[in-house]
Amino acid sequence: MLCGTLAMGVAFGLFYYVTNAKRSATRFKKDHPVFSIFMVLGGGCFIVYMLGSVVVFLVGILLPIMGM
């Protein structure tokens, strides 16, 4: 749950930074607000997926090696 909240916070933070740093990104956000939200949610889901993959690697491979 914490990883998902952190991932969505990072995704929204990056979206906020990019849309305030570039004029074209701000215009895109104003022209396509629904697509922008889906893009942020998709990015957050991708981050959660990547964090899940790292956790599986750490628990499944490194934990048995460290227990030896």
N, C-alpha and C. Protein backbone atom coordinates (compact mmCIF):
# COMPACT_ATOMS: atom_id res chain seq x y z
N MET A 1 0.82 -1.18 0.00
CA MET A 1 0.00 0.00 0.00
C MET A 1 0.86 1.25 0.00
N LEU A 2 1.93 1.21 0.78
CA LEU A 2 2.84 2.35 0.85
C LEU A 2 3.55 2.56 -0.48
N CYS A 3 3.94 1.47 -1.13
CA CYS A 3 4.61 1.58 -2.44
C CYS A 3 3.67 2.21 -3.47
N GLY A 4 2.41 1.84 -3.46
CA GLY A 4 1.45 2.41 -4.40
C GLY A 4 1.23 3.89 -4.16
N THR A 5 1.13 4.27 -2.90
CA THR A 5 0.96 5.68 -2.57
C THR A 5 2.19 6.48 -2.96
N LEU A 6 3.35 5.94 -2.69
CA LEU A 6 4.60 6.59 -3.06
C LEU A 6 4.72 6.73 -4.57
N ALA A 7 4.36 5.68 -5.29
CA ALA A 7 4.45 5.70 -6.75
C ALA A 7 3.52 6.75 -7.35
N MET A 8 2.31 6.83 -6.86
CA MET A 8 1.38 7.83 -7.38
C MET A 8 1.83 9.25 -7.02
N GLY A 9 2.41 9.41 -5.86
CA GLY A 9 2.96 10.71 -5.48
C GLY A 9 4.09 11.14 -6.39
N VAL A 10 4.96 10.19 -6.73
CA VAL A 10 6.06 10.48 -7.65
C VAL A 10 5.52 10.81 -9.04
N ALA A 11 4.53 10.04 -9.51
CA ALA A 11 3.96 10.29 -10.84
C ALA A 11 3.31 11.66 -10.91
N PHE A 12 2.53 12.03 -9.90
CA PHE A 12 1.90 13.35 -9.89
C PHE A 12 2.94 14.46 -9.74
N GLY A 13 3.97 14.22 -8.95
CA GLY A 13 5.04 15.21 -8.80
C GLY A 13 5.78 15.45 -10.10
N LEU A 14 6.11 14.39 -10.82
CA LEU A 14 6.77 14.55 -12.12
C LEU A 14 5.87 15.25 -13.11
N PHE A 15 4.58 14.92 -13.11
CA PHE A 15 3.64 15.56 -14.02
C PHE A 15 3.55 17.05 -13.71
N TYR A 16 3.49 17.41 -12.45
CA TYR A 16 3.43 18.81 -12.05
C TYR A 16 4.69 19.56 -12.46
N TYR A 17 5.84 18.94 -12.25
CA TYR A 17 7.11 19.57 -12.61
C TYR A 17 7.22 19.80 -14.11
N VAL A 18 6.87 18.78 -14.89
CA VAL A 18 6.99 18.89 -16.35
C VAL A 18 6.01 19.92 -16.90
N THR A 19 4.79 19.94 -16.40
CA THR A 19 3.80 20.87 -16.95
C THR A 19 4.09 22.31 -16.53
N ASN A 20 4.81 22.52 -15.46
CA ASN A 20 5.16 23.88 -15.07
C ASN A 20 6.48 24.33 -15.67
N ALA A 21 7.31 23.40 -16.12
CA ALA A 21 8.61 23.76 -16.66
C ALA A 21 8.55 24.08 -18.15
N LYS A 22 7.63 23.47 -18.88
CA LYS A 22 7.58 23.65 -20.33
C LYS A 22 6.24 24.21 -20.76
N ARG A 23 6.29 25.18 -21.63
CA ARG A 23 5.08 25.83 -22.12
C ARG A 23 4.24 24.87 -22.96
N SER A 24 4.89 24.04 -23.78
CA SER A 24 4.13 23.12 -24.64
C SER A 24 3.41 22.05 -23.81
N ALA A 25 4.01 21.62 -22.71
CA ALA A 25 3.34 20.64 -21.85
C ALA A 25 2.13 21.25 -21.15
N THR A 26 2.23 22.51 -20.78
CA THR A 26 1.09 23.20 -20.16
C THR A 26 -0.06 23.33 -21.16
N ARG A 27 0.28 23.65 -22.39
CA ARG A 27 -0.75 23.76 -23.43
C ARG A 27 -1.40 22.40 -23.69
N PHE A 28 -0.58 21.34 -23.71
CA PHE A 28 -1.12 19.99 -23.92
C PHE A 28 -2.07 19.61 -22.79
N LYS A 29 -1.70 19.96 -21.55
CA LYS A 29 -2.55 19.65 -20.40
C LYS A 29 -3.89 20.38 -20.50
N LYS A 30 -3.87 21.61 -20.97
CA LYS A 30 -5.11 22.37 -21.10
C LYS A 30 -5.97 21.86 -22.26
N ASP A 31 -5.32 21.41 -23.34
CA ASP A 31 -6.06 20.92 -24.51
C ASP A 31 -6.61 19.51 -24.31
N HIS A 32 -5.91 18.67 -23.56
CA HIS A 32 -6.29 17.26 -23.38
C HIS A 32 -6.25 16.88 -21.90
N PRO A 33 -7.18 17.38 -21.08
CA PRO A 33 -7.10 17.10 -19.64
C PRO A 33 -7.36 15.64 -19.27
N VAL A 34 -8.26 14.98 -19.97
CA VAL A 34 -8.57 13.58 -19.63
C VAL A 34 -7.37 12.68 -19.97
N PHE A 35 -6.78 12.90 -21.13
CA PHE A 35 -5.62 12.10 -21.52
C PHE A 35 -4.45 12.34 -20.56
N SER A 36 -4.31 13.56 -20.08
CA SER A 36 -3.23 13.87 -19.13
C SER A 36 -3.40 13.08 -17.83
N ILE A 37 -4.63 13.00 -17.34
CA ILE A 37 -4.88 12.23 -16.11
C ILE A 37 -4.61 10.75 -16.34
N PHE A 38 -5.05 10.22 -17.48
CA PHE A 38 -4.78 8.81 -17.78
C PHE A 38 -3.29 8.55 -17.93
N MET A 39 -2.57 9.52 -18.45
CA MET A 39 -1.13 9.38 -18.59
C MET A 39 -0.46 9.32 -17.21
N VAL A 40 -0.91 10.14 -16.29
CA VAL A 40 -0.36 10.12 -14.93
C VAL A 40 -0.70 8.80 -14.24
N LEU A 41 -1.94 8.34 -14.37
CA LEU A 41 -2.33 7.07 -13.75
C LEU A 41 -1.56 5.90 -14.36
N GLY A 42 -1.37 5.92 -15.66
CA GLY A 42 -0.59 4.87 -16.32
C GLY A 42 0.86 4.87 -15.86
N GLY A 43 1.43 6.06 -15.72
CA GLY A 43 2.80 6.16 -15.21
C GLY A 43 2.91 5.64 -13.79
N GLY A 44 1.92 5.95 -12.96
CA GLY A 44 1.92 5.45 -11.59
C GLY A 44 1.80 3.93 -11.53
N CYS A 45 0.96 3.38 -12.39
CA CYS A 45 0.83 1.92 -12.44
C CYS A 45 2.12 1.27 -12.90
N PHE A 46 2.80 1.89 -13.85
CA PHE A 46 4.09 1.36 -14.31
C PHE A 46 5.12 1.38 -13.19
N ILE A 47 5.15 2.47 -12.41
CA ILE A 47 6.09 2.55 -11.29
C ILE A 47 5.78 1.46 -10.26
N VAL A 48 4.49 1.25 -9.96
CA VAL A 48 4.10 0.19 -9.01
C VAL A 48 4.52 -1.17 -9.54
N TYR A 49 4.35 -1.40 -10.84
CA TYR A 49 4.76 -2.68 -11.44
C TYR A 49 6.27 -2.88 -11.30
N MET A 50 7.04 -1.83 -11.57
CA MET A 50 8.49 -1.94 -11.46
C MET A 50 8.93 -2.16 -10.02
N LEU A 51 8.30 -1.47 -9.07
CA LEU A 51 8.62 -1.68 -7.65
C LEU A 51 8.28 -3.10 -7.22
N GLY A 52 7.18 -3.64 -7.72
CA GLY A 52 6.81 -5.02 -7.41
C GLY A 52 7.83 -6.00 -7.94
N SER A 53 8.36 -5.75 -9.12
CA SER A 53 9.38 -6.61 -9.70
C SER A 53 10.65 -6.59 -8.87
N VAL A 54 11.03 -5.43 -8.38
CA VAL A 54 12.23 -5.31 -7.55
C VAL A 54 12.03 -6.04 -6.23
N VAL A 55 10.86 -5.93 -5.64
CA VAL A 55 10.59 -6.61 -4.36
C VAL A 55 10.63 -8.12 -4.55
N VAL A 56 10.06 -8.63 -5.64
CA VAL A 56 10.11 -10.07 -5.91
C VAL A 56 11.55 -10.53 -6.07
N PHE A 57 12.36 -9.75 -6.74
CA PHE A 57 13.77 -10.10 -6.90
C PHE A 57 14.47 -10.14 -5.55
N LEU A 58 14.26 -9.10 -4.75
CA LEU A 58 14.95 -9.04 -3.46
C LEU A 58 14.52 -10.17 -2.53
N VAL A 59 13.24 -10.46 -2.47
CA VAL A 59 12.75 -11.50 -1.56
C VAL A 59 13.07 -12.88 -2.10
N GLY A 60 12.86 -13.10 -3.39
CA GLY A 60 13.00 -14.43 -3.96
C GLY A 60 14.43 -14.88 -4.19
N ILE A 61 15.32 -13.96 -4.47
CA ILE A 61 16.68 -14.37 -4.82
C ILE A 61 17.69 -14.00 -3.74
N LEU A 62 17.65 -12.78 -3.27
CA LEU A 62 18.65 -12.34 -2.32
C LEU A 62 18.40 -12.85 -0.90
N LEU A 63 17.15 -13.03 -0.50
CA LEU A 63 16.87 -13.50 0.85
C LEU A 63 17.42 -14.90 1.12
N PRO A 64 17.23 -15.87 0.20
CA PRO A 64 17.83 -17.19 0.45
C PRO A 64 19.36 -17.16 0.45
N ILE A 65 19.95 -16.29 -0.35
CA ILE A 65 21.42 -16.20 -0.38
C ILE A 65 21.93 -15.62 0.93
N MET A 66 21.24 -14.63 1.47
CA MET A 66 21.67 -14.00 2.71
C MET A 66 21.45 -14.92 3.91
N GLY A 67 20.52 -15.86 3.81
CA GLY A 67 20.25 -16.77 4.90
C GLY A 67 21.26 -17.90 5.03
N MET A 68 22.10 -18.06 4.05
CA MET A 68 23.08 -19.16 4.09
C MET A 68 24.19 -18.91 5.02
